Every structure is written in structure tokens, then in C-alpha cells.
């Protein structure tokens, strides 16, 4: 059963938390350029994963945090950012609210690499200062093996993995007519470049990761990603149970 917090009545929350579930899933993304895919890619994907996980585990899905830490892609039209400090404090305030309303466990589904450090800080503070159980999951890192299985290699920013996934949600969220090799930058770890020389970032020199705009393959990929993350969240929750957390 999929329970979306914003669609519940306050009375239903009182009836559900903590007697039915004490767990909430919070998707976090950002708004930034993604090659020939939509600016909201980093938010749409964790929301879609969260819907699957919460439906299968009968836990509550909170509304997403759409704004995150956009750095080198800020120069591309439509890209938006908040500071890492503001993101950390904002998400920490949300977790304090979850605690106030008797949630004990928070699963943050992160869709954007620029958020990683801020969300790790949130997790440590929530555990140490609030006594909350918290897991931050960076979906694309956890599912790198799924990307290799479906696409035969690594993904990338706005690459085959993100573009395929977001097209599985709605094919109109990407448009191959806007794609060209001029959008692609083969990332160099030896250099920090602002603005980023392309709105598609490829992290290898083997030609892997470019989007193929195949919505059917994207649907296969998204299905495997959601099942892997479902399994991982289930494992975390069961281990917390077994260890008395």
C-alpha cells in the first residue's frame, strides 16, 4: 500500500505512526541541466524509487526536496542551487519534525551527487543528536552493477542510466532531438572546471554512458534499480529490527 504523506489526513497519520509504521522515505534531488533530459531528473528518479519501496513495504513516502547543491552546472539555463549548509539545515529540520510526530526511521533517497556531503552530515547529526535511525542511499552508486548489466558499461551524469530511467517515468522527460556530442564532456578527475564543459558528464574514456533514448530499455533498467533498492532498504530495516534499533 502506497502512503503519501501529503495525501494523508492528520488523523490518519496519528492512526498510522508509530503503530503501523515508524519509517518514512524522503527523496532529495536538485534542479539542474541534464543533457537532453529534463531539469528535474534528479528529483523524479528518487520519487519513483520511493513510490515503489513504500508501496511494497507499507511505509510512508514524504514529499520530495526538489532543490539541492548544484555546482558546476549552475550556468546552464534553469539550473538552481542552495548552499550545502542550507540544504543540511533544511533536511535536518524536516527530520526533527519526523521525530516530533513519532517517526523513528528515515530513509533518504538521494538523486544528486552534489548533495552527498550535506546529507551525510544530516545523517550523523540525526543519529547522534536525535537518536533517529537514518540511511542515506545514493541510488546510482548502489546500482552501478545494474547499469553495467543493462547498458554494458558505466553510466554518467545525464547518461544512459539517468536518461533511460527518467524516460521510463515519462518518455517526454527527454528529447533526443536536442542531443549532440557537443553536450558531452568526458570528465577528468585531474581538473575542476566551472562551468562544466558539457551538460552530460561521462566518467570513462571507453565511450560508455552516452544516452541511447531507448524508453523500453530504460523501463527494464528502472525496474531492476527499484528492485535492488527495495531489497537493500528491506535489509537495513530487518537488520535494525534484529539488533534492537
C-alpha atoms as a PDB file:
ATOM      1  CA  UNK A   1       0.000   0.000   0.000  1.00  0.00           C
ATOM      2  CA  UNK A   2       1.432   3.369  -1.048  1.00  0.00           C
ATOM      3  CA  UNK A   3       1.003   6.007   1.654  1.00  0.00           C
ATOM      4  CA  UNK A   4       1.931   9.539   0.540  1.00  0.00           C
ATOM      5  CA  UNK A   5       2.226  11.879   3.493  1.00  0.00           C
ATOM      6  CA  UNK A   6       0.805  14.904   1.685  1.00  0.00           C
ATOM      7  CA  UNK A   7      -2.327  12.939   0.727  1.00  0.00           C
ATOM      8  CA  UNK A   8      -2.996  11.667   4.243  1.00  0.00           C
ATOM      9  CA  UNK A   9      -5.210  13.360   6.824  1.00  0.00           C
ATOM     10  CA  UNK A  10      -3.549  14.293  10.079  1.00  0.00           C
ATOM     11  CA  UNK A  11      -5.852  11.827  11.809  1.00  0.00           C
ATOM     12  CA  UNK A  12      -4.607   9.069   9.512  1.00  0.00           C
ATOM     13  CA  UNK A  13      -1.015   9.913  10.387  1.00  0.00           C
ATOM     14  CA  UNK A  14      -1.880   9.671  14.079  1.00  0.00           C
ATOM     15  CA  UNK A  15      -3.505   6.280  13.480  1.00  0.00           C
ATOM     16  CA  UNK A  16      -0.555   5.003  11.424  1.00  0.00           C
ATOM     17  CA  UNK A  17       2.577   6.301  13.180  1.00  0.00           C
ATOM     18  CA  UNK A  18       4.112   4.510  15.009  1.00  0.00           C
ATOM     19  CA  UNK A  19       1.596   1.673  15.430  1.00  0.00           C
ATOM     20  CA  UNK A  20       1.592   0.593  11.752  1.00  0.00           C
ATOM     21  CA  UNK A  21       4.942   2.014  10.666  1.00  0.00           C
ATOM     22  CA  UNK A  22       7.629   4.227  12.164  1.00  0.00           C
ATOM     23  CA  UNK A  23       9.506   4.665   8.875  1.00  0.00           C
ATOM     24  CA  UNK A  24       9.418   7.496   6.341  1.00  0.00           C
ATOM     25  CA  UNK A  25      11.181   7.800   2.980  1.00  0.00           C
ATOM     26  CA  UNK A  26      12.420  11.242   1.894  1.00  0.00           C
ATOM     27  CA  UNK A  27      13.527  11.749  -1.739  1.00  0.00           C
ATOM     28  CA  UNK A  28      16.076  14.533  -2.300  1.00  0.00           C
ATOM     29  CA  UNK A  29      17.226  15.856  -5.664  1.00  0.00           C
ATOM     30  CA  UNK A  30      18.128  19.120  -7.355  1.00  0.00           C
ATOM     31  CA  UNK A  31      17.158  21.143 -10.419  1.00  0.00           C
ATOM     32  CA  UNK A  32      19.959  21.198 -12.965  1.00  0.00           C
ATOM     33  CA  UNK A  33      20.811  20.637 -16.621  1.00  0.00           C
ATOM     34  CA  UNK A  34      20.794  17.005 -17.771  1.00  0.00           C
ATOM     35  CA  UNK A  35      21.852  16.983 -21.404  1.00  0.00           C
ATOM     36  CA  UNK A  36      18.731  16.157 -23.396  1.00  0.00           C
ATOM     37  CA  UNK A  37      16.717  15.114 -20.312  1.00  0.00           C
ATOM     38  CA  UNK A  38      14.664  17.300 -18.000  1.00  0.00           C
ATOM     39  CA  UNK A  39      15.983  19.617 -15.299  1.00  0.00           C
ATOM     40  CA  UNK A  40      14.102  17.628 -12.653  1.00  0.00           C
ATOM     41  CA  UNK A  41      15.747  14.279 -13.407  1.00  0.00           C
ATOM     42  CA  UNK A  42      17.483  14.107 -10.010  1.00  0.00           C
ATOM     43  CA  UNK A  43      14.135  14.509  -8.260  1.00  0.00           C
ATOM     44  CA  UNK A  44      11.877  12.416 -10.475  1.00  0.00           C
ATOM     45  CA  UNK A  45      14.043   9.306 -10.127  1.00  0.00           C
ATOM     46  CA  UNK A  46      14.194   9.063  -6.304  1.00  0.00           C
ATOM     47  CA  UNK A  47      10.482   9.848  -6.101  1.00  0.00           C
ATOM     48  CA  UNK A  48       9.730   6.965  -8.472  1.00  0.00           C
ATOM     49  CA  UNK A  49      12.004   4.645  -6.495  1.00  0.00           C
ATOM     50  CA  UNK A  50      10.408   5.827  -3.258  1.00  0.00           C
ATOM     51  CA  UNK A  51       6.911   5.065  -4.518  1.00  0.00           C
ATOM     52  CA  UNK A  52       7.942   1.503  -5.305  1.00  0.00           C
ATOM     53  CA  UNK A  53       9.706   0.947  -1.985  1.00  0.00           C
ATOM     54  CA  UNK A  54       6.931   2.451   0.125  1.00  0.00           C
ATOM     55  CA  UNK A  55       4.222   0.536  -1.713  1.00  0.00           C
ATOM     56  CA  UNK A  56       5.972  -2.792  -1.208  1.00  0.00           C
ATOM     57  CA  UNK A  57       6.975  -2.184   2.422  1.00  0.00           C
ATOM     58  CA  UNK A  58       3.841  -0.302   3.533  1.00  0.00           C
ATOM     59  CA  UNK A  59       5.835   2.662   4.801  1.00  0.00           C
ATOM     60  CA  UNK A  60       5.234   6.381   4.284  1.00  0.00           C
ATOM     61  CA  UNK A  61       6.613   8.487   1.434  1.00  0.00           C
ATOM     62  CA  UNK A  62       7.248  12.144   2.243  1.00  0.00           C
ATOM     63  CA  UNK A  63       7.111  14.880  -0.407  1.00  0.00           C
ATOM     64  CA  UNK A  64      10.489  15.353  -2.093  1.00  0.00           C
ATOM     65  CA  UNK A  65      13.083  18.051  -1.547  1.00  0.00           C
ATOM     66  CA  UNK A  66      13.475  19.341  -5.091  1.00  0.00           C
ATOM     67  CA  UNK A  67      16.307  21.800  -4.511  1.00  0.00           C
ATOM     68  CA  UNK A  68      19.881  20.755  -3.799  1.00  0.00           C
ATOM     69  CA  UNK A  69      23.518  21.741  -4.226  1.00  0.00           C
ATOM     70  CA  UNK A  70      24.152  22.481  -7.902  1.00  0.00           C
ATOM     71  CA  UNK A  71      27.741  23.495  -8.603  1.00  0.00           C
ATOM     72  CA  UNK A  72      29.435  23.345 -12.000  1.00  0.00           C
ATOM     73  CA  UNK A  73      26.184  23.093 -13.969  1.00  0.00           C
ATOM     74  CA  UNK A  74      24.640  26.227 -12.471  1.00  0.00           C
ATOM     75  CA  UNK A  75      25.443  28.234 -15.598  1.00  0.00           C
ATOM     76  CA  UNK A  76      23.032  26.210 -17.744  1.00  0.00           C
ATOM     77  CA  UNK A  77      19.603  27.880 -18.007  1.00  0.00           C
ATOM     78  CA  UNK A  78      17.077  26.673 -15.441  1.00  0.00           C
ATOM     79  CA  UNK A  79      19.636  25.156 -13.075  1.00  0.00           C
ATOM     80  CA  UNK A  80      19.046  26.172  -9.454  1.00  0.00           C
ATOM     81  CA  UNK A  81      21.022  25.770  -6.250  1.00  0.00           C
ATOM     82  CA  UNK A  82      21.035  26.169  -2.493  1.00  0.00           C
ATOM     83  CA  UNK A  83      24.148  26.140  -0.328  1.00  0.00           C
ATOM     84  CA  UNK A  84      25.264  22.897   1.266  1.00  0.00           C
ATOM     85  CA  UNK A  85      24.723  24.464   4.691  1.00  0.00           C
ATOM     86  CA  UNK A  86      21.160  25.456   3.876  1.00  0.00           C
ATOM     87  CA  UNK A  87      20.365  22.017   2.483  1.00  0.00           C
ATOM     88  CA  UNK A  88      21.795  20.369   5.580  1.00  0.00           C
ATOM     89  CA  UNK A  89      19.830  22.564   7.972  1.00  0.00           C
ATOM     90  CA  UNK A  90      16.619  22.267   5.951  1.00  0.00           C
ATOM     91  CA  UNK A  91      16.701  18.472   5.813  1.00  0.00           C
ATOM     92  CA  UNK A  92      17.736  18.285   9.471  1.00  0.00           C
ATOM     93  CA  UNK A  93      14.708  20.412  10.379  1.00  0.00           C
ATOM     94  CA  UNK A  94      12.481  18.001   8.458  1.00  0.00           C
ATOM     95  CA  UNK A  95      13.934  15.079  10.378  1.00  0.00           C
ATOM     96  CA  UNK A  96      13.291  16.874  13.657  1.00  0.00           C
ATOM     97  CA  UNK A  97       9.664  17.191  12.533  1.00  0.00           C
ATOM     98  CA  UNK A  98       9.516  13.483  11.694  1.00  0.00           C
ATOM     99  CA  UNK A  99      10.807  12.710  15.191  1.00  0.00           C
ATOM    100  CA  UNK A 100       8.247  15.046  16.753  1.00  0.00           C
ATOM    101  CA  UNK A 101       5.496  13.055  15.047  1.00  0.00           C
ATOM    102  CA  UNK A 102       6.879   9.729  16.327  1.00  0.00           C
ATOM    103  CA  UNK A 103       8.791   8.503  13.299  1.00  0.00           C
ATOM    104  CA  UNK A 104      11.910   6.607  14.328  1.00  0.00           C
ATOM    105  CA  UNK A 105      13.456   5.686  10.983  1.00  0.00           C
ATOM    106  CA  UNK A 106      14.236   7.821   7.924  1.00  0.00           C
ATOM    107  CA  UNK A 107      15.408   6.564   4.545  1.00  0.00           C
ATOM    108  CA  UNK A 108      16.772   9.391   2.388  1.00  0.00           C
ATOM    109  CA  UNK A 109      16.805   8.523  -1.309  1.00  0.00           C
ATOM    110  CA  UNK A 110      19.335  10.877  -2.856  1.00  0.00           C
ATOM    111  CA  UNK A 111      19.300  11.584  -6.578  1.00  0.00           C
ATOM    112  CA  UNK A 112      22.198  14.041  -6.857  1.00  0.00           C
ATOM    113  CA  UNK A 113      25.903  13.727  -6.154  1.00  0.00           C
ATOM    114  CA  UNK A 114      26.268  17.347  -5.097  1.00  0.00           C
ATOM    115  CA  UNK A 115      24.096  16.566  -2.065  1.00  0.00           C
ATOM    116  CA  UNK A 116      26.211  13.695  -0.743  1.00  0.00           C
ATOM    117  CA  UNK A 117      28.283  15.519   1.865  1.00  0.00           C
ATOM    118  CA  UNK A 118      25.416  17.593   3.250  1.00  0.00           C
ATOM    119  CA  UNK A 119      23.185  14.543   3.585  1.00  0.00           C
ATOM    120  CA  UNK A 120      25.919  12.550   5.308  1.00  0.00           C
ATOM    121  CA  UNK A 121      26.221  15.374   7.835  1.00  0.00           C
ATOM    122  CA  UNK A 122      22.460  15.267   8.349  1.00  0.00           C
ATOM    123  CA  UNK A 123      22.574  11.535   8.963  1.00  0.00           C
ATOM    124  CA  UNK A 124      25.310  11.772  11.585  1.00  0.00           C
ATOM    125  CA  UNK A 125      23.546  14.618  13.394  1.00  0.00           C
ATOM    126  CA  UNK A 126      20.163  12.878  13.277  1.00  0.00           C
ATOM    127  CA  UNK A 127      21.641   9.719  14.775  1.00  0.00           C
ATOM    128  CA  UNK A 128      23.857  11.358  17.402  1.00  0.00           C
ATOM    129  CA  UNK A 129      21.656  14.278  18.413  1.00  0.00           C
ATOM    130  CA  UNK A 130      18.125  12.989  17.830  1.00  0.00           C
ATOM    131  CA  UNK A 131      18.503   9.243  18.270  1.00  0.00           C
ATOM    132  CA  UNK A 132      16.985   8.598  14.849  1.00  0.00           C
ATOM    133  CA  UNK A 133      17.810   5.612  12.655  1.00  0.00           C
ATOM    134  CA  UNK A 134      18.757   7.025   9.274  1.00  0.00           C
ATOM    135  CA  UNK A 135      20.107   5.717   5.976  1.00  0.00           C
ATOM    136  CA  UNK A 136      21.132   7.866   3.013  1.00  0.00           C
ATOM    137  CA  UNK A 137      21.086   5.912  -0.251  1.00  0.00           C
ATOM    138  CA  UNK A 138      22.759   7.272  -3.390  1.00  0.00           C
ATOM    139  CA  UNK A 139      20.835   5.196  -5.909  1.00  0.00           C
ATOM    140  CA  UNK A 140      23.237   5.431  -8.878  1.00  0.00           C
ATOM    141  CA  UNK A 141      26.191   4.252  -6.786  1.00  0.00           C
ATOM    142  CA  UNK A 142      24.302   1.336  -5.261  1.00  0.00           C
ATOM    143  CA  UNK A 143      23.045   0.316  -8.693  1.00  0.00           C
ATOM    144  CA  UNK A 144      26.267   0.655 -10.705  1.00  0.00           C
ATOM    145  CA  UNK A 145      26.192  -3.092 -11.320  1.00  0.00           C
ATOM    146  CA  UNK A 146      22.648  -2.824 -12.684  1.00  0.00           C
ATOM    147  CA  UNK A 147      23.832  -0.123 -15.101  1.00  0.00           C
ATOM    148  CA  UNK A 148      26.581  -2.416 -16.360  1.00  0.00           C
ATOM    149  CA  UNK A 149      24.121  -5.315 -16.664  1.00  0.00           C
ATOM    150  CA  UNK A 150      21.571  -3.383 -18.737  1.00  0.00           C
ATOM    151  CA  UNK A 151      23.777  -0.925 -20.624  1.00  0.00           C
ATOM    152  CA  UNK A 152      27.024  -2.856 -20.824  1.00  0.00           C
ATOM    153  CA  UNK A 153      29.142  -0.267 -19.050  1.00  0.00           C
ATOM    154  CA  UNK A 154      29.208   2.727 -16.747  1.00  0.00           C
ATOM    155  CA  UNK A 155      26.590   5.428 -16.669  1.00  0.00           C
ATOM    156  CA  UNK A 156      27.165   9.118 -16.170  1.00  0.00           C
ATOM    157  CA  UNK A 157      25.552  12.419 -15.391  1.00  0.00           C
ATOM    158  CA  UNK A 158      22.607  12.662 -17.827  1.00  0.00           C
ATOM    159  CA  UNK A 159      23.936   9.467 -19.381  1.00  0.00           C
ATOM    160  CA  UNK A 160      22.284   6.219 -20.332  1.00  0.00           C
ATOM    161  CA  UNK A 161      21.265   5.425 -16.752  1.00  0.00           C
ATOM    162  CA  UNK A 162      19.598   8.699 -15.752  1.00  0.00           C
ATOM    163  CA  UNK A 163      18.114   9.393 -19.180  1.00  0.00           C
ATOM    164  CA  UNK A 164      16.794   5.850 -19.518  1.00  0.00           C
ATOM    165  CA  UNK A 165      15.272   5.895 -16.042  1.00  0.00           C
ATOM    166  CA  UNK A 166      13.543   9.246 -16.432  1.00  0.00           C
ATOM    167  CA  UNK A 167      12.139   8.165 -19.815  1.00  0.00           C
ATOM    168  CA  UNK A 168      10.618   5.134 -18.082  1.00  0.00           C
ATOM    169  CA  UNK A 169       8.619   7.584 -15.956  1.00  0.00           C
ATOM    170  CA  UNK A 170       7.536   9.642 -18.961  1.00  0.00           C
ATOM    171  CA  UNK A 171       9.192   9.494 -22.411  1.00  0.00           C
ATOM    172  CA  UNK A 172       8.507  13.215 -22.776  1.00  0.00           C
ATOM    173  CA  UNK A 173      11.013  13.967 -19.994  1.00  0.00           C
ATOM    174  CA  UNK A 174      13.819  13.555 -22.545  1.00  0.00           C
ATOM    175  CA  UNK A 175      14.107  14.557 -26.184  1.00  0.00           C
ATOM    176  CA  UNK A 176      16.725  13.027 -28.464  1.00  0.00           C
ATOM    177  CA  UNK A 177      16.342  15.882 -30.966  1.00  0.00           C
ATOM    178  CA  UNK A 178      18.255  18.085 -28.516  1.00  0.00           C
ATOM    179  CA  UNK A 179      21.141  15.643 -28.207  1.00  0.00           C
ATOM    180  CA  UNK A 180      24.534  16.192 -29.796  1.00  0.00           C
ATOM    181  CA  UNK A 181      28.087  15.199 -28.965  1.00  0.00           C
ATOM    182  CA  UNK A 182      28.718  18.844 -28.088  1.00  0.00           C
ATOM    183  CA  UNK A 183      26.757  18.206 -24.888  1.00  0.00           C
ATOM    184  CA  UNK A 184      29.195  15.504 -23.759  1.00  0.00           C
ATOM    185  CA  UNK A 185      32.182  16.173 -21.527  1.00  0.00           C
ATOM    186  CA  UNK A 186      34.481  13.285 -20.672  1.00  0.00           C
ATOM    187  CA  UNK A 187      35.155  14.120 -17.059  1.00  0.00           C
ATOM    188  CA  UNK A 188      38.744  14.486 -15.883  1.00  0.00           C
ATOM    189  CA  UNK A 189      39.401  13.918 -12.189  1.00  0.00           C
ATOM    190  CA  UNK A 190      42.567  15.976 -12.587  1.00  0.00           C
ATOM    191  CA  UNK A 191      40.575  19.129 -13.338  1.00  0.00           C
ATOM    192  CA  UNK A 192      37.834  21.176 -11.693  1.00  0.00           C
ATOM    193  CA  UNK A 193      36.105  23.220 -14.393  1.00  0.00           C
ATOM    194  CA  UNK A 194      33.401  25.875 -13.906  1.00  0.00           C
ATOM    195  CA  UNK A 195      31.116  25.974 -15.779  1.00  0.00           C
ATOM    196  CA  UNK A 196      31.126  22.303 -16.702  1.00  0.00           C
ATOM    197  CA  UNK A 197      32.103  21.956 -20.395  1.00  0.00           C
ATOM    198  CA  UNK A 198      29.040  19.837 -21.155  1.00  0.00           C
ATOM    199  CA  UNK A 199      25.688  19.076 -19.569  1.00  0.00           C
ATOM    200  CA  UNK A 200      26.350  15.323 -19.979  1.00  0.00           C
ATOM    201  CA  UNK A 201      29.217  14.012 -17.875  1.00  0.00           C
ATOM    202  CA  UNK A 202      30.903  10.752 -18.865  1.00  0.00           C
ATOM    203  CA  UNK A 203      33.342   9.291 -16.331  1.00  0.00           C
ATOM    204  CA  UNK A 204      35.364   6.946 -18.511  1.00  0.00           C
ATOM    205  CA  UNK A 205      37.365   7.058 -21.745  1.00  0.00           C
ATOM    206  CA  UNK A 206      35.769   3.965 -23.259  1.00  0.00           C
ATOM    207  CA  UNK A 207      32.805   5.691 -24.835  1.00  0.00           C
ATOM    208  CA  UNK A 208      30.416   4.210 -22.278  1.00  0.00           C
ATOM    209  CA  UNK A 209      27.471   6.012 -20.750  1.00  0.00           C
ATOM    210  CA  UNK A 210      26.056   8.123 -23.525  1.00  0.00           C
ATOM    211  CA  UNK A 211      22.236   8.209 -23.562  1.00  0.00           C
ATOM    212  CA  UNK A 212      20.516   5.973 -26.097  1.00  0.00           C
ATOM    213  CA  UNK A 213      16.949   7.318 -25.601  1.00  0.00           C
ATOM    214  CA  UNK A 214      15.548   3.781 -25.607  1.00  0.00           C
ATOM    215  CA  UNK A 215      12.481   4.050 -23.361  1.00  0.00           C
ATOM    216  CA  UNK A 216      11.879   0.288 -23.333  1.00  0.00           C
ATOM    217  CA  UNK A 217      15.421  -0.430 -22.163  1.00  0.00           C
ATOM    218  CA  UNK A 218      15.007   2.394 -19.666  1.00  0.00           C
ATOM    219  CA  UNK A 219      11.927   0.677 -18.254  1.00  0.00           C
ATOM    220  CA  UNK A 220      13.882  -2.566 -17.819  1.00  0.00           C
ATOM    221  CA  UNK A 221      16.666  -0.640 -16.127  1.00  0.00           C
ATOM    222  CA  UNK A 222      14.328   1.270 -13.824  1.00  0.00           C
ATOM    223  CA  UNK A 223      12.576  -1.940 -12.796  1.00  0.00           C
ATOM    224  CA  UNK A 224      15.857  -3.587 -11.832  1.00  0.00           C
ATOM    225  CA  UNK A 225      17.034  -0.485  -9.962  1.00  0.00           C
ATOM    226  CA  UNK A 226      13.817  -0.300  -7.954  1.00  0.00           C
ATOM    227  CA  UNK A 227      14.002  -3.958  -7.020  1.00  0.00           C
ATOM    228  CA  UNK A 228      17.633  -3.653  -5.919  1.00  0.00           C
ATOM    229  CA  UNK A 229      16.912  -0.647  -3.738  1.00  0.00           C
ATOM    230  CA  UNK A 230      13.805  -2.317  -2.332  1.00  0.00           C
ATOM    231  CA  UNK A 231      15.969  -5.262  -1.326  1.00  0.00           C
ATOM    232  CA  UNK A 232      18.570  -3.009   0.274  1.00  0.00           C
ATOM    233  CA  UNK A 233      16.023  -0.981   2.253  1.00  0.00           C
ATOM    234  CA  UNK A 234      14.363  -4.204   3.405  1.00  0.00           C
ATOM    235  CA  UNK A 235      17.751  -5.487   4.548  1.00  0.00           C
ATOM    236  CA  UNK A 236      18.520  -2.302   6.504  1.00  0.00           C
ATOM    237  CA  UNK A 237      15.142  -2.340   8.251  1.00  0.00           C
ATOM    238  CA  UNK A 238      15.396  -6.030   9.121  1.00  0.00           C
ATOM    239  CA  UNK A 239      18.915  -5.590  10.491  1.00  0.00           C
ATOM    240  CA  UNK A 240      17.781  -2.679  12.644  1.00  0.00           C
ATOM    241  CA  UNK A 241      14.998  -4.925  13.950  1.00  0.00           C
ATOM    242  CA  UNK A 242      17.353  -7.787  14.713  1.00  0.00           C
ATOM    243  CA  UNK A 243      19.807  -5.529  16.526  1.00  0.00           C
ATOM    244  CA  UNK A 244      17.213  -3.737  18.597  1.00  0.00           C
ATOM    245  CA  UNK A 245      17.253  -0.390  16.823  1.00  0.00           C
END
